[in-house]
Protein backbone atom coordinates (compact mmCIF):
# COMPACT_ATOMS: atom_id res chain seq x y z
CA MET A 1 -0.16 0.17 -0.05
CA ALA A 2 1.36 3.57 -0.93
CA PRO A 3 2.20 5.93 1.85
CA TRP A 4 -0.25 8.69 2.28
CA THR A 5 0.31 12.38 2.76
CA PRO A 6 0.15 14.08 6.22
CA ASN A 7 -3.01 15.60 5.05
CA GLY A 8 -4.46 12.37 4.09
CA TYR A 9 -5.76 13.35 0.79
CA GLY A 10 -3.64 11.11 -1.39
CA PRO A 11 -0.57 9.05 -1.75
CA SER A 12 2.76 10.87 -1.48
CA VAL A 13 4.73 11.13 -4.82
CA SER A 14 8.65 11.11 -4.57
CA PRO A 15 10.28 13.96 -6.53
CA VAL A 16 13.19 11.44 -7.31
CA ARG A 17 12.78 9.55 -10.54
CA ARG A 18 13.34 5.64 -10.30
CA CYS A 19 15.08 3.36 -12.41
CA SER A 20 12.64 1.89 -15.21
CA ARG A 21 13.97 -1.59 -14.54
CA THR A 22 11.24 -3.76 -12.91
CA ALA A 23 11.77 -4.36 -9.22
CA CYS A 24 14.61 -1.55 -8.94
CA SER A 25 13.88 1.23 -6.57
CA SER A 26 17.24 3.00 -7.02
CA PRO A 27 17.24 6.48 -8.13
CA ALA A 28 17.65 7.06 -11.92
CA VAL A 29 21.07 8.73 -13.08
CA PHE A 30 20.85 8.06 -16.82
CA THR A 31 18.47 8.18 -19.66
CA LEU A 32 18.44 5.43 -22.44
CA THR A 33 16.92 6.32 -25.63
CA TYR A 34 16.67 3.90 -28.97
CA VAL A 35 17.17 5.20 -32.44
CA TYR A 36 15.63 2.00 -34.25
CA ALA A 37 16.53 3.62 -37.94
CA ASP A 38 20.00 3.66 -36.86
CA SER A 39 20.02 0.65 -34.66
CA THR A 40 21.49 2.71 -31.87
CA ALA A 41 21.17 2.87 -28.25
CA VAL A 42 22.10 6.29 -26.64
CA LEU A 43 22.92 6.23 -22.93
CA GLY A 44 23.35 9.75 -21.39
CA PRO A 45 22.81 11.91 -18.29
CA LEU A 46 19.34 11.91 -16.69
CA ALA A 47 16.77 13.80 -19.07
CA THR A 48 15.35 16.98 -17.57
CA TYR A 49 11.88 15.54 -17.90
CA ALA A 50 10.75 11.96 -18.12
CA GLU A 51 9.86 11.11 -21.90
CA PRO A 52 7.25 8.27 -22.93
CA HIS A 53 9.82 6.51 -25.26
CA CYS A 54 12.85 6.95 -22.95
CA TYR A 55 14.05 4.75 -20.16
CA ASP A 56 15.59 6.20 -16.85
CA LEU A 57 18.35 3.95 -15.47
CA CYS A 58 20.23 3.72 -12.15
CA ALA A 59 24.02 3.55 -12.32
CA GLU A 60 24.03 -0.50 -12.04
CA HIS A 61 21.76 -1.07 -14.77
CA ALA A 62 23.37 1.59 -17.00
CA GLU A 63 26.91 0.02 -16.43
CA ARG A 64 25.51 -3.50 -17.42
CA LEU A 65 23.53 -2.28 -20.42
CA THR A 66 23.81 -4.29 -23.58
CA ALA A 67 22.24 -3.67 -26.98
CA PRO A 68 20.91 -6.38 -29.33
CA ARG A 69 23.35 -7.93 -31.84
CA GLY A 70 23.98 -5.47 -34.58
CA TRP A 71 23.36 -2.48 -32.54
CA GLU A 72 25.71 0.29 -31.45
CA VAL A 73 25.73 1.62 -27.90
CA VAL A 74 26.67 5.35 -27.70
CA ARG A 75 27.61 6.32 -24.13
CA LEU A 76 27.73 10.07 -23.77
CA PRO A 77 30.07 11.48 -21.01
CA THR A 78 28.36 12.40 -17.88
CA GLU A 79 29.51 14.86 -15.16
CA GLY A 80 29.19 12.51 -12.31
CA GLY A 81 25.76 11.45 -13.04
CA GLN A 82 24.54 14.98 -12.52
CA PRO A 83 21.91 16.06 -15.21
CA SER A 84 23.01 18.74 -17.41
CA THR A 85 20.89 21.99 -18.64
CA ASP A 86 19.74 20.32 -21.83
CA ASP A 87 20.22 16.70 -21.82
CA LEU A 88 17.53 15.75 -24.44
CA GLU A 89 19.56 18.16 -26.94
CA ALA A 90 22.68 16.42 -26.03
CA LEU A 91 21.07 13.01 -26.79
CA ALA A 92 19.93 14.18 -30.19
CA ASN A 93 23.07 15.63 -31.12
CA ALA A 94 25.00 12.29 -30.35
CA VAL A 95 22.46 10.32 -32.31
CA ARG A 96 22.93 12.85 -35.30
CA GLU A 97 26.82 12.43 -34.97
CA ALA A 98 26.75 8.55 -34.94
CA ALA A 99 24.51 8.24 -37.96
CA ARG A 100 26.32 11.10 -39.85
CA PRO A 101 28.77 9.59 -42.50
CA ALA A 102 32.33 10.52 -42.36
CA PRO A 103 32.88 13.77 -44.00
CA SER A 104 34.61 13.41 -47.32
CA GLY A 105 36.07 17.04 -47.48
CA ASN A 106 33.73 18.33 -50.17
CA GLU A 107 30.31 18.34 -48.17
CA PRO A 108 29.08 21.60 -46.47
CA VAL A 109 29.64 22.04 -42.80
CA GLY A 110 27.46 24.28 -40.67
CA GLN A 111 24.21 24.69 -38.85
CA GLY A 112 21.10 22.76 -39.86
CA VAL A 113 18.06 24.34 -41.15
CA GLU A 114 14.58 23.09 -40.18
CA VAL A 115 12.70 22.04 -43.20
CA GLY A 116 9.78 20.48 -41.47
CA ARG A 117 8.17 19.18 -38.22
CA ARG A 118 6.46 15.96 -37.17
CA GLY A 119 5.29 16.14 -33.56
CA HIS A 120 8.16 17.16 -31.25
CA LEU A 121 10.82 16.02 -33.91
CA ARG A 122 12.37 18.33 -36.36
CA VAL A 123 13.55 17.65 -39.95
CA LEU A 124 16.95 19.35 -40.58
CA ARG A 125 19.11 20.00 -43.42
CA SER A 126 22.63 21.11 -43.76
CA ALA A 127 22.99 24.79 -44.25
CA GLN A 128 24.74 25.64 -47.39
CA THR A 129 27.77 27.71 -46.27
CA HIS A 130 29.71 29.60 -49.03
CA PRO A 131 33.36 30.81 -48.57
CA GLU A 132 33.81 34.56 -48.96
CA ARG A 133 35.07 35.77 -52.51
């Protein structure tokens, strides 16, 4: 039975996010995201907000994480397990970097230009940069 708040009006809710693994009550310190199109699992610092398609993991489960055969695991550097100011953007950037082919030297380099949206996801195209003449 869940503990009740002192005023007796409902169950108390812990402000600490817990590990998503069944029967684990340890606090979450990492967020796991799967990028199915790239067969990549990205493990990074705890996201600022709990997302429906992400999994929060404790340090023990994050350390033992394995991916399916043929998948790559990208582990983002963490600052002692402390969440950064923009963890979700860091995860998205790591996935983009992992999926990007090695530069051949003649491709444009620069900021992406948004060309469309689908829900909370953005479609980006590389901005064309022209050297000064």
